[in-house]
Amino acid sequence: MADDLRQQLAAYDRAVSLARETYRGMSSDERTVRAIAGKQLAEHAPSNRAEPFCDGCDGAPWPCSIALGAIKYADPHYN
């Protein structure tokens, strides 16, 4: 597995985890963004870990632009 793919899958897993998290003092805007990102991450999940295709894009290569955007929205590391 290529390093880029490994890093993308790790970023995806982190974003999925973060999309489910809440914390004291979380703004309603952040809560909404994470909820939307979590839904997009679920809809555009990788088909598998070896040679992934996007489940939401009819076999398009993974990560699609929607998955990449959702990873960025869910992870404050990117914001």
Protein backbone atom coordinates (compact mmCIF):
# COMPACT_ATOMS: atom_id res chain seq x y z
CA MET A 1 0.00 0.00 0.00
CA ALA A 2 1.40 3.39 -0.97
CA ASP A 3 2.28 5.85 1.77
CA ASP A 4 -0.13 8.47 0.38
CA LEU A 5 -3.04 6.03 0.55
CA ARG A 6 -2.05 4.98 4.05
CA GLN A 7 -1.98 8.63 5.15
CA GLN A 8 -5.34 9.34 3.49
CA LEU A 9 -6.94 6.34 5.20
CA ALA A 10 -5.49 7.42 8.56
CA ALA A 11 -6.84 10.96 8.01
CA TYR A 12 -10.23 9.46 7.09
CA ASP A 13 -10.30 7.32 10.25
CA ARG A 14 -9.35 10.32 12.39
CA ALA A 15 -12.04 12.47 10.77
CA VAL A 16 -14.70 9.79 11.32
CA SER A 17 -13.74 9.63 14.98
CA LEU A 18 -13.71 13.42 15.35
CA ALA A 19 -17.07 13.77 13.59
CA ARG A 20 -18.62 11.71 16.41
CA GLU A 21 -16.94 13.62 19.24
CA THR A 22 -18.38 16.48 21.22
CA TYR A 23 -16.81 18.47 24.00
CA ARG A 24 -17.88 20.95 26.57
CA GLY A 25 -18.07 24.39 25.05
CA MET A 26 -18.37 23.15 21.47
CA SER A 27 -20.16 25.77 19.40
CA SER A 28 -23.36 24.89 17.59
CA ASP A 29 -21.61 25.78 14.33
CA GLU A 30 -18.83 23.26 14.95
CA ARG A 31 -21.37 20.64 16.02
CA THR A 32 -23.29 21.20 12.76
CA VAL A 33 -20.15 21.10 10.60
CA ARG A 34 -19.01 17.86 12.23
CA ALA A 35 -22.45 16.29 11.76
CA ILE A 36 -22.49 17.19 8.07
CA ALA A 37 -18.90 16.00 7.62
CA GLY A 38 -19.71 12.72 9.38
CA LYS A 39 -22.64 12.10 7.03
CA GLN A 40 -20.47 12.81 3.99
CA LEU A 41 -17.69 10.58 5.32
CA ALA A 42 -20.16 7.72 5.74
CA GLU A 43 -21.62 8.22 2.25
CA HIS A 44 -18.19 8.45 0.58
CA ALA A 45 -16.35 5.77 2.53
CA PRO A 46 -13.55 3.76 0.96
CA SER A 47 -14.77 0.43 -0.44
CA ASN A 48 -11.77 -1.40 1.03
CA ARG A 49 -8.30 -0.72 2.37
CA ALA A 50 -6.19 -2.26 -0.39
CA GLU A 51 -7.51 -0.60 -3.56
CA PRO A 52 -10.33 1.65 -2.42
CA PHE A 53 -13.06 3.11 -4.55
CA CYS A 54 -15.60 5.64 -3.32
CA ASP A 55 -18.82 3.95 -2.21
CA GLY A 56 -20.81 7.12 -2.93
CA CYS A 57 -19.42 7.90 -6.38
CA ASP A 58 -20.18 4.73 -8.34
CA GLY A 59 -16.68 3.32 -8.36
CA ALA A 60 -14.73 6.57 -8.67
CA PRO A 61 -11.24 6.48 -7.18
CA TRP A 62 -11.10 7.13 -3.45
CA PRO A 63 -10.71 9.66 -1.91
CA CYS A 64 -13.15 11.70 -3.95
CA SER A 65 -13.37 15.47 -3.55
CA ILE A 66 -16.35 15.12 -1.18
CA ALA A 67 -14.42 12.76 1.12
CA LEU A 68 -11.39 15.07 1.11
CA GLY A 69 -13.56 18.08 1.95
CA ALA A 70 -15.34 16.21 4.74
CA ILE A 71 -11.99 15.12 6.23
CA LYS A 72 -10.95 18.77 6.37
CA TYR A 73 -14.26 19.93 7.86
CA ALA A 74 -14.27 17.28 10.59
CA ASP A 75 -10.66 17.75 11.65
CA PRO A 76 -9.76 21.05 13.35
CA HIS A 77 -6.11 20.24 12.48
CA TYR A 78 -6.92 21.45 8.96
CA ASN A 79 -8.90 24.52 10.04
